[in-house]
Protein backbone atom coordinates (compact mmCIF):
# COMPACT_ATOMS: atom_id res chain seq x y z
CA MET A 1 180.62 109.75 93.31
CA THR A 2 177.73 110.27 91.11
CA LEU A 3 177.35 107.84 88.70
CA ASP A 4 176.87 108.59 85.16
CA PRO A 5 173.42 107.32 83.92
CA ARG A 6 174.17 107.29 80.17
CA LEU A 7 176.62 104.74 81.42
CA ASN A 8 174.66 102.72 84.42
CA PRO A 9 171.17 101.05 84.53
CA TYR A 10 169.56 102.95 86.85
CA ARG A 11 166.51 105.04 87.76
CA ARG A 12 164.98 106.01 91.30
CA ASP A 13 162.57 103.25 90.80
CA ILE A 14 164.27 100.44 89.20
CA ALA A 15 168.41 99.50 88.98
CA ALA A 16 170.74 96.66 87.42
CA ARG A 17 171.41 93.86 90.60
CA HIS A 18 174.94 95.06 90.17
CA LEU A 19 174.64 98.48 91.03
CA GLN A 20 172.77 97.59 94.33
CA GLY A 21 174.79 99.26 96.97
CA GLN A 22 176.21 102.19 94.74
CA VAL A 23 172.76 103.33 93.71
CA GLU A 24 169.37 104.14 95.17
CA ALA A 25 166.79 102.50 93.86
CA ALA A 26 162.79 100.78 94.64
CA GLN A 27 164.43 97.39 93.57
CA PHE A 28 167.20 95.89 91.88
CA VAL A 29 166.81 93.37 89.02
CA ASP A 30 168.86 90.88 87.11
CA GLY A 31 168.96 91.86 83.22
CA THR A 32 168.07 90.01 80.21
CA LEU A 33 170.38 89.50 77.32
CA LEU A 34 168.74 90.09 74.00
CA GLU A 35 169.45 91.35 70.30
CA VAL A 36 168.77 94.13 68.17
CA ILE A 37 167.12 92.08 64.91
CA GLU A 38 166.12 95.16 63.24
CA PRO A 39 168.76 97.21 61.07
CA ILE A 40 168.78 99.86 62.98
CA ALA A 41 166.99 100.78 66.74
CA ASP A 42 166.78 104.19 67.74
CA LEU A 43 167.90 104.54 71.42
CA ARG A 44 165.81 107.81 73.01
CA ARG A 45 166.57 108.57 76.32
CA ASP A 46 162.77 108.12 77.37
CA PRO A 47 160.22 106.16 76.19
CA ALA A 48 158.44 108.08 73.75
CA HIS A 49 158.94 108.50 70.00
CA GLU A 50 159.25 112.25 70.13
CA ALA A 51 161.73 111.55 73.28
CA ALA A 52 165.73 113.15 72.64
CA LEU A 53 167.55 110.30 70.14
CA ASP A 54 170.90 109.82 72.12
CA THR A 55 172.24 106.78 69.46
CA GLN A 56 171.39 103.89 67.53
CA ALA A 57 171.94 100.37 68.00
CA LEU A 58 172.81 98.13 64.85
CA LYS A 59 171.58 94.35 63.60
CA GLY A 60 172.99 91.94 66.03
CA GLU A 61 173.76 94.16 68.92
CA ARG A 62 173.03 92.79 72.22
CA VAL A 63 171.58 94.34 74.33
CA THR A 64 170.64 93.80 78.66
CA VAL A 65 167.26 94.43 79.33
CA TYR A 66 166.12 94.98 82.66
CA GLU A 67 162.84 96.35 82.05
CA VAL A 68 159.73 96.36 79.58
CA SER A 69 157.22 98.32 79.72
CA ASP A 70 153.13 97.70 78.58
CA GLU A 71 153.56 100.17 76.25
CA GLY A 72 156.09 97.98 74.05
CA TRP A 73 159.59 100.03 75.46
CA ALA A 74 162.51 97.97 76.95
CA TRP A 75 165.41 100.11 78.97
CA GLY A 76 168.14 98.39 79.05
CA GLN A 77 172.15 98.52 78.54
CA LEU A 78 174.37 98.65 74.21
CA GLU A 79 176.91 95.31 75.09
CA THR A 80 179.17 97.52 72.94
CA ASP A 81 179.96 101.04 74.67
CA GLY A 82 177.00 100.48 77.47
CA TYR A 83 174.98 103.47 76.41
CA VAL A 84 171.47 103.56 78.23
CA GLY A 85 168.21 104.16 77.01
CA TYR A 86 164.66 103.29 75.72
CA LEU A 87 164.33 101.17 72.57
CA SER A 88 161.79 99.50 71.27
CA ALA A 89 161.02 96.30 72.25
CA ASN A 90 159.72 95.39 68.93
CA ALA A 91 163.23 95.87 67.26
CA LEU A 92 164.95 93.27 69.75
CA GLY A 93 164.93 89.21 69.84
CA SER A 94 166.46 86.43 71.54
CA VAL A 95 169.67 86.10 71.32
CA GLY A 96 170.96 84.04 68.49
CA PRO A 97 174.08 82.42 67.49
CA LEU A 98 177.73 84.51 67.99
CA ARG A 99 177.69 86.88 64.91
CA THR A 100 180.44 86.04 62.59
CA HIS A 101 180.83 88.93 60.00
CA ARG A 102 179.52 92.91 59.48
CA VAL A 103 178.48 94.93 57.01
CA CYS A 104 181.87 97.13 55.62
CA VAL A 105 180.45 99.18 53.37
CA PRO A 106 177.90 102.28 54.04
CA ARG A 107 175.19 99.80 53.18
CA THR A 108 174.09 96.53 51.78
CA PHE A 109 171.49 94.20 50.52
CA GLY A 110 170.13 90.44 51.68
CA PHE A 111 168.68 88.81 48.07
CA PRO A 112 166.63 85.52 48.67
CA GLY A 113 168.69 84.19 46.09
CA PRO A 114 172.37 84.66 44.30
CA ASP A 115 170.60 86.81 42.06
CA ILE A 116 170.60 91.04 42.51
CA LYS A 117 168.37 91.84 40.19
CA LEU A 118 165.30 89.87 43.35
CA PRO A 119 163.92 91.97 45.44
CA PRO A 120 166.22 92.57 48.51
CA MET A 121 164.72 90.98 51.92
CA ILE A 122 166.77 93.34 53.96
CA ALA A 123 168.78 96.35 53.87
CA LEU A 124 171.51 96.56 56.53
CA PRO A 125 174.26 99.80 57.57
CA MET A 126 177.70 99.74 58.17
CA GLY A 127 178.68 98.03 61.17
CA ALA A 128 175.73 95.39 61.31
CA ARG A 129 176.71 91.97 62.50
CA ILE A 130 175.60 89.17 60.44
CA ASP A 131 175.81 84.96 61.23
CA ILE A 132 177.28 84.12 57.53
CA ALA A 133 177.12 80.26 57.19
CA ARG A 134 178.87 79.59 53.85
CA GLU A 135 180.28 81.38 50.85
CA SER A 136 180.00 81.40 46.99
CA ASP A 137 181.61 83.01 44.82
CA ARG A 138 180.13 86.43 44.56
CA PHE A 139 177.73 85.53 48.26
CA ALA A 140 177.92 85.44 52.03
CA LEU A 141 174.96 83.17 53.19
CA ASP A 142 173.14 83.97 56.45
CA ALA A 143 171.44 80.73 58.25
CA PHE A 144 168.11 82.10 56.70
CA ASN A 145 169.83 81.54 52.94
CA TRP A 146 169.90 85.42 52.29
CA HIS A 147 172.72 86.37 49.89
CA TYR A 148 174.83 89.35 50.80
CA PRO A 149 177.40 90.53 47.93
CA LEU A 150 181.07 88.81 49.45
CA ALA A 151 182.12 92.29 49.08
CA HIS A 152 180.08 93.45 51.18
CA VAL A 153 180.76 91.79 54.70
CA ALA A 154 183.59 90.78 56.29
CA PRO A 155 184.99 88.32 59.71
CA LEU A 156 184.81 90.63 62.63
CA ALA A 157 188.05 89.53 63.60
CA LYS A 158 189.54 91.57 60.53
CA ARG A 159 190.15 95.37 61.34
CA GLN A 160 189.88 97.52 58.48
CA PRO A 161 193.85 99.07 58.39
CA ASP A 162 192.73 103.06 58.46
CA PHE A 163 189.98 104.63 60.43
CA VAL A 164 190.09 107.37 58.38
CA ALA A 165 189.31 105.54 55.26
CA VAL A 166 186.11 104.28 56.58
CA GLY A 167 185.25 107.50 57.63
CA GLU A 168 185.12 109.10 54.35
CA MET A 169 183.53 106.23 52.79
CA LEU A 170 180.52 108.12 54.63
CA MET A 171 181.36 111.02 53.17
CA ASN A 172 177.61 113.01 51.77
CA ALA A 173 175.89 110.79 54.73
CA PRO A 174 173.14 112.99 55.82
CA TYR A 175 173.62 114.74 59.64
CA LEU A 176 171.75 113.46 62.33
CA TRP A 177 171.70 113.69 65.72
CA GLY A 178 172.08 110.78 67.77
CA GLY A 179 172.48 108.94 64.27
CA LYS A 180 174.81 106.15 63.51
CA SER A 181 174.57 104.92 60.21
CA SER A 182 174.62 106.16 56.41
CA LEU A 183 171.39 107.19 56.71
CA GLY A 184 172.00 109.81 59.50
CA ILE A 185 174.95 110.23 61.47
CA ASP A 186 176.53 112.84 64.08
CA CYS A 187 180.26 113.50 64.41
CA SER A 188 180.69 111.48 67.50
CA GLY A 189 178.81 108.63 65.79
CA LEU A 190 181.33 109.20 62.87
CA VAL A 191 184.13 108.73 65.02
CA GLN A 192 182.38 105.69 66.87
CA LEU A 193 181.50 103.63 63.99
CA ALA A 194 184.92 103.97 61.94
CA LEU A 195 186.95 103.22 65.07
CA GLN A 196 184.87 100.11 65.78
CA LEU A 197 185.49 98.82 62.10
CA ALA A 198 189.26 99.38 62.86
CA GLY A 199 188.93 97.23 65.76
CA HIS A 200 189.45 99.96 68.11
CA ALA A 201 187.24 100.20 71.53
CA CYS A 202 185.49 103.51 71.52
CA PRO A 203 183.02 105.23 73.69
CA ARG A 204 179.41 107.17 72.30
CA ASP A 205 179.41 110.71 73.42
CA THR A 206 182.29 113.40 72.18
CA TYR A 207 182.95 114.28 75.99
CA MET A 208 183.70 110.32 76.50
CA GLN A 209 185.89 110.07 73.29
CA GLU A 210 187.82 113.05 74.33
CA SER A 211 188.62 112.08 77.36
CA ALA A 212 189.02 108.32 76.87
CA LEU A 213 190.78 108.49 73.23
CA GLY A 214 194.48 108.95 72.52
CA GLN A 215 197.27 111.06 73.30
CA PRO A 216 197.19 115.01 73.49
CA LYS A 217 198.60 116.89 70.24
CA THR A 218 198.66 120.14 69.16
CA LEU A 219 196.85 121.80 65.95
CA ALA A 220 200.66 122.06 64.34
CA GLU A 221 201.45 118.88 64.46
CA LEU A 222 198.22 117.61 62.79
CA ARG A 223 198.36 114.66 60.97
CA ARG A 224 195.55 111.64 59.43
CA GLY A 225 193.88 110.13 62.07
CA ASP A 226 194.31 112.78 64.48
CA LEU A 227 190.98 113.90 66.44
CA ILE A 228 190.29 117.58 67.32
CA PHE A 229 188.00 118.13 69.74
CA TRP A 230 185.69 121.43 70.53
CA LYS A 231 183.05 121.30 72.88
CA GLY A 232 180.14 119.01 72.13
CA HIS A 233 181.87 118.39 68.71
CA VAL A 234 184.85 116.05 66.90
CA ALA A 235 186.23 115.61 63.44
CA ILE A 236 188.89 113.58 62.29
CA ALA A 237 192.23 114.76 60.30
CA CYS A 238 192.59 113.32 56.91
CA ASP A 239 196.08 115.12 56.56
CA ALA A 240 197.37 118.11 58.16
CA THR A 241 195.40 120.50 56.99
CA THR A 242 192.36 118.68 56.03
CA ILE A 243 189.48 116.99 58.15
CA ILE A 244 186.24 115.42 57.76
CA HIS A 245 183.19 115.26 59.96
CA ALA A 246 179.56 115.02 60.50
CA ASN A 247 178.26 118.65 61.37
CA ALA A 248 174.78 120.86 61.11
CA HIS A 249 176.51 123.70 59.08
CA HIS A 250 177.06 121.22 56.19
CA MET A 251 174.46 119.09 57.58
CA MET A 252 175.96 116.24 55.99
CA VAL A 253 179.54 114.55 56.56
CA ALA A 254 181.69 116.67 54.73
CA LYS A 255 185.11 117.92 54.26
CA GLU A 256 187.04 121.21 54.70
CA PRO A 257 190.01 122.99 55.46
CA VAL A 258 190.79 122.48 59.15
CA SER A 259 191.59 126.59 58.91
CA GLU A 260 187.89 126.97 57.93
CA ALA A 261 186.33 124.41 60.71
CA VAL A 262 188.52 126.45 63.25
CA THR A 263 187.53 129.64 62.10
CA ARG A 264 183.56 129.18 61.73
CA ILE A 265 183.01 127.25 64.28
CA LYS A 266 185.17 129.83 66.80
CA ARG A 267 182.73 132.50 65.71
CA GLY A 268 179.87 130.06 67.11
CA GLY A 269 181.58 130.46 70.85
CA SER A 270 183.89 127.44 70.77
CA ASP A 271 187.49 127.10 70.38
CA VAL A 272 189.54 123.94 69.93
CA THR A 273 189.61 122.19 73.26
CA SER A 274 192.06 119.50 72.34
CA VAL A 275 194.00 117.61 69.65
CA LYS A 276 194.74 113.44 70.42
CA ARG A 277 196.66 111.31 68.28
CA LEU A 278 195.87 106.98 68.71
């Protein structure tokens, strides 16, 4: 069986040592664990800024890096969903203490003091992980003494009770193939991010999600939280008649009637392939 290179770090010239005996490569190496230090780090299919954007890693995400090129590209594998690709080495740093909290709103700011009128030091997307050292009445403070609004962060162990509501917080976020934040997001990125904040492990790509998630249902049985899959697309049911999805028709995260989406996408050549209930 051929291993999927999007989920297994191997190329003809180099591969992860744990894949020795399973794939062919000129050399097998041990990886170095690093951490995303930028708010958002693009993971690309090839080591070039114009290469396809496959996904994004958010601050605090850990990455096992197997090669850093002279041009500044780190080739490695994301810890959370196992995706493999190329990131800017400048977006990575040494692994810090275990992160304690993550951003639970579409976007937040870290201020240099306990005053929202101060110019923020950083802007972080939903899902970014930070290490909170202490809390005040209104702020959560990290090791840099940057102040984040307390209502904007939640302990990693806290699960959002309704992943659909998490997705609904990203309404009108622009559509971006491979995106995973309020600055730009795609259909499977919306599902993955919403499920992750609700405490559910979720693969990155649509076909992976369709294979791994839930039990089969029908459109007639649709209820809130069900996932509707087409070839290369996924939507979340808000209720029996409405869905929310990041899509290239609206070019944003939008709600629409299920019947309208099914009809329009069918005109484009794709029928519903499955309905899954978590």
